[in-house]
Amino acid sequence: MSTHSKVVTRLDKTFATLKEQGRKALIPYITCGDPYPEKTVELMLAMAEAGADVIELGVPFSDPMADGPVIQKAAERALAKGISLNRVLDDVKAFRAKNADTPVVLMGYANPIECYDLHHGAGSFVREAKACGVDGVLVVDYPPEECEEFAARLKAADLAPIFLLAPTSTVPVGVGFGIRDAETAKAVAAVSDAVVIGSRIVQLLETQTPDTVVAAGRGFIAEIRTALDSLKGN
């Protein structure tokens, strides 16, 4: 994934290494604070250890119109537990204190970011995201043509603006729909650079207790990693 400058970011390094190794990127999605706020950082660390190449961390929002029912409900649960954008950034900072290498991409909506900047000053979100160790931001309701100023701020901070539909095909392409198990992950990996798994992980974690949730997340990612690595070089 190219950047505007000569700075080599964690995302750059990750995708360059994967390309050199002939491997596909595994990108799990979890909603920050769901199902247990105190387990989010531990889950992120466990998934990275199990073979996740990038962690996609969802920012809960009250009107997640672009998400399906599974992730909508996860956002509702997280909001009910008081998870805010501040907490999301705090969790990234805590993750980064123990893992300096695995990229973290925030996925969310414009409203929480705009509210953050309204309270803390224009550009505050980007500055704080950079300081906490965020690597990229995907704003679901910011199409590329409507967020030039925001994208410019991200790039100036060496953060990657990520879009649901990239305007070019020169960047790594991740597919994140319909992946439920090792077989569907392999099928998607055959036609993409990265496999993004969200709803299935959220469903799995929702059924766990605080004592089992981290192990369940780790085990699922390890299974998918093994499946994807069986395609190495193909």
C-alpha atoms as a PDB file:
ATOM      1  CA  MET A   1       0.000   0.000   0.000  1.00  0.00           C
ATOM      2  CA  SER A   2       1.729   3.154  -1.162  1.00  0.00           C
ATOM      3  CA  THR A   3       1.892   6.397   0.788  1.00  0.00           C
ATOM      4  CA  HIS A   4       2.437  10.020  -0.182  1.00  0.00           C
ATOM      5  CA  SER A   5       6.007  10.179   1.075  1.00  0.00           C
ATOM      6  CA  LYS A   6       9.099   8.069   1.587  1.00  0.00           C
ATOM      7  CA  VAL A   7       7.922   7.085   5.049  1.00  0.00           C
ATOM      8  CA  VAL A   8       7.457   3.316   5.159  1.00  0.00           C
ATOM      9  CA  THR A   9       4.441   2.642   7.339  1.00  0.00           C
ATOM     10  CA  ARG A  10       3.422  -0.514   9.175  1.00  0.00           C
ATOM     11  CA  LEU A  11       0.819  -1.146   6.461  1.00  0.00           C
ATOM     12  CA  ASP A  12       3.467  -0.744   3.759  1.00  0.00           C
ATOM     13  CA  LYS A  13       5.777  -3.183   5.523  1.00  0.00           C
ATOM     14  CA  THR A  14       3.018  -5.703   6.161  1.00  0.00           C
ATOM     15  CA  PHE A  15       1.759  -5.868   2.584  1.00  0.00           C
ATOM     16  CA  ALA A  16       5.280  -5.822   1.133  1.00  0.00           C
ATOM     17  CA  THR A  17       6.262  -8.764   3.328  1.00  0.00           C
ATOM     18  CA  LEU A  18       3.115 -10.694   2.429  1.00  0.00           C
ATOM     19  CA  LYS A  19       3.745 -10.109  -1.271  1.00  0.00           C
ATOM     20  CA  GLU A  20       7.335 -11.285  -0.967  1.00  0.00           C
ATOM     21  CA  GLN A  21       6.170 -14.417   0.846  1.00  0.00           C
ATOM     22  CA  GLY A  22       3.303 -15.119  -1.547  1.00  0.00           C
ATOM     23  CA  ARG A  23       0.821 -14.990   1.335  1.00  0.00           C
ATOM     24  CA  LYS A  24      -2.624 -13.462   1.694  1.00  0.00           C
ATOM     25  CA  ALA A  25      -3.444 -10.880   4.349  1.00  0.00           C
ATOM     26  CA  LEU A  26      -5.828 -11.948   7.108  1.00  0.00           C
ATOM     27  CA  ILE A  27      -7.744  -8.999   8.532  1.00  0.00           C
ATOM     28  CA  PRO A  28     -10.199  -9.722  11.361  1.00  0.00           C
ATOM     29  CA  TYR A  29     -12.763  -7.119  12.396  1.00  0.00           C
ATOM     30  CA  ILE A  30     -14.070  -6.655  15.913  1.00  0.00           C
ATOM     31  CA  THR A  31     -16.222  -3.902  17.362  1.00  0.00           C
ATOM     32  CA  CYS A  32     -14.380  -2.117  20.156  1.00  0.00           C
ATOM     33  CA  GLY A  33     -15.981  -3.003  23.473  1.00  0.00           C
ATOM     34  CA  ASP A  34     -18.001  -5.956  22.218  1.00  0.00           C
ATOM     35  CA  PRO A  35     -18.792  -8.312  23.774  1.00  0.00           C
ATOM     36  CA  TYR A  36     -16.674  -7.378  26.818  1.00  0.00           C
ATOM     37  CA  PRO A  37     -14.963  -3.959  26.960  1.00  0.00           C
ATOM     38  CA  GLU A  38     -12.222  -5.241  29.242  1.00  0.00           C
ATOM     39  CA  LYS A  39     -11.281  -7.943  26.715  1.00  0.00           C
ATOM     40  CA  THR A  40     -10.859  -5.861  23.546  1.00  0.00           C
ATOM     41  CA  VAL A  41      -7.112  -5.277  23.846  1.00  0.00           C
ATOM     42  CA  GLU A  42      -6.472  -8.868  24.895  1.00  0.00           C
ATOM     43  CA  LEU A  43      -8.484 -10.069  21.888  1.00  0.00           C
ATOM     44  CA  MET A  44      -6.504  -7.855  19.527  1.00  0.00           C
ATOM     45  CA  LEU A  45      -3.220  -9.176  20.891  1.00  0.00           C
ATOM     46  CA  ALA A  46      -4.402 -12.792  20.694  1.00  0.00           C
ATOM     47  CA  MET A  47      -5.570 -12.439  17.088  1.00  0.00           C
ATOM     48  CA  ALA A  48      -2.267 -10.880  16.078  1.00  0.00           C
ATOM     49  CA  GLU A  49      -0.388 -13.721  17.748  1.00  0.00           C
ATOM     50  CA  ALA A  50      -2.606 -16.254  15.956  1.00  0.00           C
ATOM     51  CA  GLY A  51      -1.744 -14.861  12.535  1.00  0.00           C
ATOM     52  CA  ALA A  52      -3.813 -11.745  11.855  1.00  0.00           C
ATOM     53  CA  ASP A  53      -1.842  -9.370   9.639  1.00  0.00           C
ATOM     54  CA  VAL A  54      -3.954  -6.270  10.283  1.00  0.00           C
ATOM     55  CA  ILE A  55      -6.559  -5.626  12.988  1.00  0.00           C
ATOM     56  CA  GLU A  56      -9.684  -3.751  11.946  1.00  0.00           C
ATOM     57  CA  LEU A  57     -11.271  -2.129  14.987  1.00  0.00           C
ATOM     58  CA  GLY A  58     -14.832  -0.893  14.720  1.00  0.00           C
ATOM     59  CA  VAL A  59     -15.849   2.446  16.229  1.00  0.00           C
ATOM     60  CA  PRO A  60     -19.406   2.009  17.580  1.00  0.00           C
ATOM     61  CA  PHE A  61     -22.004   4.397  16.140  1.00  0.00           C
ATOM     62  CA  SER A  62     -25.724   4.717  16.807  1.00  0.00           C
ATOM     63  CA  ASP A  63     -26.756   4.671  13.140  1.00  0.00           C
ATOM     64  CA  PRO A  64     -24.456   2.229  11.343  1.00  0.00           C
ATOM     65  CA  MET A  65     -26.492   2.180   8.144  1.00  0.00           C
ATOM     66  CA  ALA A  66     -23.839   0.492   6.014  1.00  0.00           C
ATOM     67  CA  ASP A  67     -23.437  -2.484   8.356  1.00  0.00           C
ATOM     68  CA  GLY A  68     -25.445  -5.680   8.495  1.00  0.00           C
ATOM     69  CA  PRO A  69     -27.565  -6.684  11.494  1.00  0.00           C
ATOM     70  CA  VAL A  70     -24.772  -8.590  13.264  1.00  0.00           C
ATOM     71  CA  ILE A  71     -22.402  -5.632  13.406  1.00  0.00           C
ATOM     72  CA  GLN A  72     -25.259  -3.198  14.044  1.00  0.00           C
ATOM     73  CA  LYS A  73     -26.146  -5.148  17.181  1.00  0.00           C
ATOM     74  CA  ALA A  74     -22.497  -5.252  18.234  1.00  0.00           C
ATOM     75  CA  ALA A  75     -22.389  -1.462  17.973  1.00  0.00           C
ATOM     76  CA  GLU A  76     -25.550  -1.194  20.071  1.00  0.00           C
ATOM     77  CA  ARG A  77     -24.057  -3.427  22.761  1.00  0.00           C
ATOM     78  CA  ALA A  78     -20.805  -1.465  22.807  1.00  0.00           C
ATOM     79  CA  LEU A  79     -22.574   1.888  23.017  1.00  0.00           C
ATOM     80  CA  ALA A  80     -24.735   0.582  25.859  1.00  0.00           C
ATOM     81  CA  LYS A  81     -21.489  -0.129  27.718  1.00  0.00           C
ATOM     82  CA  GLY A  82     -20.257   3.414  27.192  1.00  0.00           C
ATOM     83  CA  ILE A  83     -17.726   2.801  24.421  1.00  0.00           C
ATOM     84  CA  SER A  84     -16.757   6.077  22.765  1.00  0.00           C
ATOM     85  CA  LEU A  85     -14.149   7.133  20.236  1.00  0.00           C
ATOM     86  CA  ASN A  86     -11.961   8.130  23.188  1.00  0.00           C
ATOM     87  CA  ARG A  87     -12.103   4.554  24.480  1.00  0.00           C
ATOM     88  CA  VAL A  88     -11.304   3.183  21.028  1.00  0.00           C
ATOM     89  CA  LEU A  89      -8.164   5.321  20.857  1.00  0.00           C
ATOM     90  CA  ASP A  90      -7.205   4.319  24.396  1.00  0.00           C
ATOM     91  CA  ASP A  91      -7.502   0.643  23.450  1.00  0.00           C
ATOM     92  CA  VAL A  92      -5.308   1.130  20.388  1.00  0.00           C
ATOM     93  CA  LYS A  93      -2.715   2.834  22.583  1.00  0.00           C
ATOM     94  CA  ALA A  94      -2.819  -0.074  25.052  1.00  0.00           C
ATOM     95  CA  PHE A  95      -2.483  -2.587  22.192  1.00  0.00           C
ATOM     96  CA  ARG A  96       0.404  -0.653  20.687  1.00  0.00           C
ATOM     97  CA  ALA A  97       2.270  -0.696  24.010  1.00  0.00           C
ATOM     98  CA  LYS A  98       2.499  -4.491  23.663  1.00  0.00           C
ATOM     99  CA  ASN A  99       2.509  -4.909  19.875  1.00  0.00           C
ATOM    100  CA  ALA A 100       4.574  -2.478  17.827  1.00  0.00           C
ATOM    101  CA  ASP A 101       4.244  -4.241  14.474  1.00  0.00           C
ATOM    102  CA  THR A 102       0.654  -5.262  13.635  1.00  0.00           C
ATOM    103  CA  PRO A 103      -1.222  -2.462  11.840  1.00  0.00           C
ATOM    104  CA  VAL A 104      -4.545  -1.267  13.258  1.00  0.00           C
ATOM    105  CA  VAL A 105      -7.205   0.234  11.009  1.00  0.00           C
ATOM    106  CA  LEU A 106     -10.202   2.009  12.503  1.00  0.00           C
ATOM    107  CA  MET A 107     -13.532   1.487  10.755  1.00  0.00           C
ATOM    108  CA  GLY A 108     -16.461   3.725  11.485  1.00  0.00           C
ATOM    109  CA  TYR A 109     -18.621   6.648  10.474  1.00  0.00           C
ATOM    110  CA  ALA A 110     -18.043  10.358  10.004  1.00  0.00           C
ATOM    111  CA  ASN A 111     -20.217  11.548  12.893  1.00  0.00           C
ATOM    112  CA  PRO A 112     -18.027  10.380  15.820  1.00  0.00           C
ATOM    113  CA  ILE A 113     -14.926  11.815  14.137  1.00  0.00           C
ATOM    114  CA  GLU A 114     -16.599  15.136  13.394  1.00  0.00           C
ATOM    115  CA  CYS A 115     -17.903  15.332  16.977  1.00  0.00           C
ATOM    116  CA  TYR A 116     -14.412  14.570  18.303  1.00  0.00           C
ATOM    117  CA  ASP A 117     -12.924  17.401  16.256  1.00  0.00           C
ATOM    118  CA  LEU A 118     -15.761  19.702  17.301  1.00  0.00           C
ATOM    119  CA  HIS A 119     -14.892  19.146  20.959  1.00  0.00           C
ATOM    120  CA  HIS A 120     -11.110  19.009  20.662  1.00  0.00           C
ATOM    121  CA  GLY A 121     -10.394  21.215  17.659  1.00  0.00           C
ATOM    122  CA  ALA A 122     -10.069  20.664  13.918  1.00  0.00           C
ATOM    123  CA  GLY A 123      -7.657  17.871  13.076  1.00  0.00           C
ATOM    124  CA  SER A 124      -7.582  16.557  16.647  1.00  0.00           C
ATOM    125  CA  PHE A 125      -8.795  13.084  15.710  1.00  0.00           C
ATOM    126  CA  VAL A 126      -6.026  12.545  13.176  1.00  0.00           C
ATOM    127  CA  ARG A 127      -3.358  13.809  15.576  1.00  0.00           C
ATOM    128  CA  GLU A 128      -4.602  11.621  18.415  1.00  0.00           C
ATOM    129  CA  ALA A 129      -5.045   8.579  16.170  1.00  0.00           C
ATOM    130  CA  LYS A 130      -1.441   8.960  15.023  1.00  0.00           C
ATOM    131  CA  ALA A 131      -0.209   9.385  18.590  1.00  0.00           C
ATOM    132  CA  CYS A 132      -2.063   6.261  19.752  1.00  0.00           C
ATOM    133  CA  GLY A 133      -0.667   4.070  16.975  1.00  0.00           C
ATOM    134  CA  VAL A 134      -3.499   3.885  14.447  1.00  0.00           C
ATOM    135  CA  ASP A 135      -2.324   3.053  10.915  1.00  0.00           C
ATOM    136  CA  GLY A 136      -5.360   3.678   8.739  1.00  0.00           C
ATOM    137  CA  VAL A 137      -8.939   4.888   8.853  1.00  0.00           C
ATOM    138  CA  LEU A 138     -11.943   3.647   6.900  1.00  0.00           C
ATOM    139  CA  VAL A 139     -14.903   6.031   7.163  1.00  0.00           C
ATOM    140  CA  VAL A 140     -17.851   4.152   5.712  1.00  0.00           C
ATOM    141  CA  ASP A 141     -19.918   7.205   4.792  1.00  0.00           C
ATOM    142  CA  TYR A 142     -17.029   9.248   3.364  1.00  0.00           C
ATOM    143  CA  PRO A 143     -16.808   8.451  -0.361  1.00  0.00           C
ATOM    144  CA  PRO A 144     -13.399   9.338  -1.848  1.00  0.00           C
ATOM    145  CA  GLU A 145     -14.668  12.363  -3.752  1.00  0.00           C
ATOM    146  CA  GLU A 146     -16.198  13.935  -0.635  1.00  0.00           C
ATOM    147  CA  CYS A 147     -13.394  13.671   1.888  1.00  0.00           C
ATOM    148  CA  GLU A 148     -10.360  15.193   0.230  1.00  0.00           C
ATOM    149  CA  GLU A 149      -9.561  17.406   3.232  1.00  0.00           C
ATOM    150  CA  PHE A 150      -9.844  14.531   5.717  1.00  0.00           C
ATOM    151  CA  ALA A 151      -7.798  12.225   3.479  1.00  0.00           C
ATOM    152  CA  ALA A 152      -5.134  14.923   3.149  1.00  0.00           C
ATOM    153  CA  ARG A 153      -4.903  15.203   6.949  1.00  0.00           C
ATOM    154  CA  LEU A 154      -4.511  11.445   7.237  1.00  0.00           C
ATOM    155  CA  LYS A 155      -1.802  11.329   4.590  1.00  0.00           C
ATOM    156  CA  ALA A 156       0.042  14.235   6.197  1.00  0.00           C
ATOM    157  CA  ALA A 157       0.201  12.145   9.381  1.00  0.00           C
ATOM    158  CA  ASP A 158       1.314   9.037   7.436  1.00  0.00           C
ATOM    159  CA  LEU A 159      -2.035   7.370   8.093  1.00  0.00           C
ATOM    160  CA  ALA A 160      -3.771   5.543   5.264  1.00  0.00           C
ATOM    161  CA  PRO A 161      -7.217   6.665   4.115  1.00  0.00           C
ATOM    162  CA  ILE A 162      -9.023   3.462   3.161  1.00  0.00           C
ATOM    163  CA  PHE A 163     -12.158   3.272   1.032  1.00  0.00           C
ATOM    164  CA  LEU A 164     -14.767   0.582   0.589  1.00  0.00           C
ATOM    165  CA  LEU A 165     -14.289   0.818  -3.164  1.00  0.00           C
ATOM    166  CA  ALA A 166     -10.823   1.909  -4.183  1.00  0.00           C
ATOM    167  CA  PRO A 167     -10.715   4.223  -7.228  1.00  0.00           C
ATOM    168  CA  THR A 168      -7.708   2.342  -8.611  1.00  0.00           C
ATOM    169  CA  SER A 169      -6.594  -1.261  -8.674  1.00  0.00           C
ATOM    170  CA  THR A 170      -2.975  -0.573  -7.746  1.00  0.00           C
ATOM    171  CA  VAL A 171      -3.570  -0.910  -3.998  1.00  0.00           C
ATOM    172  CA  PRO A 172      -4.093  -4.196  -2.148  1.00  0.00           C
ATOM    173  CA  VAL A 173      -7.694  -5.360  -2.442  1.00  0.00           C
ATOM    174  CA  GLY A 174      -9.437  -6.878   0.564  1.00  0.00           C
ATOM    175  CA  VAL A 175     -12.727  -8.742   0.352  1.00  0.00           C
ATOM    176  CA  GLY A 176     -14.914  -8.856   3.440  1.00  0.00           C
ATOM    177  CA  PHE A 177     -18.287 -10.317   2.540  1.00  0.00           C
ATOM    178  CA  GLY A 178     -19.603 -13.843   2.968  1.00  0.00           C
ATOM    179  CA  ILE A 179     -16.578 -15.338   4.720  1.00  0.00           C
ATOM    180  CA  ARG A 180     -17.611 -17.789   7.423  1.00  0.00           C
ATOM    181  CA  ASP A 181     -14.995 -20.517   7.607  1.00  0.00           C
ATOM    182  CA  ALA A 182     -11.720 -21.822   6.239  1.00  0.00           C
ATOM    183  CA  GLU A 183     -13.185 -22.913   2.897  1.00  0.00           C
ATOM    184  CA  THR A 184     -14.897 -19.610   2.110  1.00  0.00           C
ATOM    185  CA  ALA A 185     -11.777 -17.753   3.231  1.00  0.00           C
ATOM    186  CA  LYS A 186      -9.672 -19.771   0.778  1.00  0.00           C
ATOM    187  CA  ALA A 187     -12.139 -19.115  -2.045  1.00  0.00           C
ATOM    188  CA  VAL A 188     -12.014 -15.364  -1.451  1.00  0.00           C
ATOM    189  CA  ALA A 189      -8.232 -15.364  -1.041  1.00  0.00           C
ATOM    190  CA  ALA A 190      -7.891 -16.872  -4.496  1.00  0.00           C
ATOM    191  CA  VAL A 191      -9.227 -13.656  -6.051  1.00  0.00           C
ATOM    192  CA  SER A 192      -7.987 -10.989  -3.610  1.00  0.00           C
ATOM    193  CA  ASP A 193      -4.964  -9.753  -1.691  1.00  0.00           C
ATOM    194  CA  ALA A 194      -6.634  -9.811   1.710  1.00  0.00           C
ATOM    195  CA  VAL A 195      -9.434 -11.622   3.505  1.00  0.00           C
ATOM    196  CA  VAL A 196     -11.476  -9.474   5.881  1.00  0.00           C
ATOM    197  CA  ILE A 197     -13.691 -11.312   8.370  1.00  0.00           C
ATOM    198  CA  GLY A 198     -16.183  -9.371  10.450  1.00  0.00           C
ATOM    199  CA  SER A 199     -19.684 -10.701  11.044  1.00  0.00           C
ATOM    200  CA  ARG A 200     -18.591 -14.290  11.614  1.00  0.00           C
ATOM    201  CA  ILE A 201     -16.098 -13.240  14.285  1.00  0.00           C
ATOM    202  CA  VAL A 202     -18.626 -10.949  15.975  1.00  0.00           C
ATOM    203  CA  GLN A 203     -21.143 -13.812  16.041  1.00  0.00           C
ATOM    204  CA  LEU A 204     -18.574 -16.189  17.510  1.00  0.00           C
ATOM    205  CA  LEU A 205     -17.447 -13.788  20.216  1.00  0.00           C
ATOM    206  CA  GLU A 206     -21.024 -12.925  21.153  1.00  0.00           C
ATOM    207  CA  THR A 207     -21.613 -16.523  22.265  1.00  0.00           C
ATOM    208  CA  GLN A 208     -18.588 -16.620  24.563  1.00  0.00           C
ATOM    209  CA  THR A 209     -18.117 -15.872  28.244  1.00  0.00           C
ATOM    210  CA  PRO A 210     -15.441 -13.467  29.493  1.00  0.00           C
ATOM    211  CA  ASP A 211     -13.319 -16.522  30.308  1.00  0.00           C
ATOM    212  CA  THR A 212     -13.568 -18.102  26.838  1.00  0.00           C
ATOM    213  CA  VAL A 213     -13.806 -15.152  24.449  1.00  0.00           C
ATOM    214  CA  VAL A 214     -10.078 -14.592  23.903  1.00  0.00           C
ATOM    215  CA  ALA A 215      -9.312 -18.268  23.300  1.00  0.00           C
ATOM    216  CA  ALA A 216     -12.243 -18.522  20.879  1.00  0.00           C
ATOM    217  CA  GLY A 217     -11.007 -15.550  18.873  1.00  0.00           C
ATOM    218  CA  ARG A 218      -7.453 -16.859  18.848  1.00  0.00           C
ATOM    219  CA  GLY A 219      -8.545 -20.330  17.730  1.00  0.00           C
ATOM    220  CA  PHE A 220     -10.699 -19.060  14.875  1.00  0.00           C
ATOM    221  CA  ILE A 221      -7.944 -16.820  13.512  1.00  0.00           C
ATOM    222  CA  ALA A 222      -5.385 -19.631  13.771  1.00  0.00           C
ATOM    223  CA  GLU A 223      -7.687 -21.912  11.745  1.00  0.00           C
ATOM    224  CA  ILE A 224      -8.171 -19.319   9.001  1.00  0.00           C
ATOM    225  CA  ARG A 225      -4.444 -18.504   8.952  1.00  0.00           C
ATOM    226  CA  THR A 226      -3.616 -22.167   8.389  1.00  0.00           C
ATOM    227  CA  ALA A 227      -6.134 -22.348   5.546  1.00  0.00           C
ATOM    228  CA  LEU A 228      -4.801 -19.229   3.844  1.00  0.00           C
ATOM    229  CA  ASP A 229      -1.204 -20.356   4.167  1.00  0.00           C
ATOM    230  CA  SER A 230      -2.107 -23.583   2.375  1.00  0.00           C
ATOM    231  CA  LEU A 231      -2.552 -21.346  -0.698  1.00  0.00           C
ATOM    232  CA  LYS A 232       0.953 -19.879  -0.401  1.00  0.00           C
ATOM    233  CA  GLY A 233       2.440 -19.202  -3.784  1.00  0.00           C
ATOM    234  CA  ASN A 234      -0.736 -20.129  -5.620  1.00  0.00           C
END
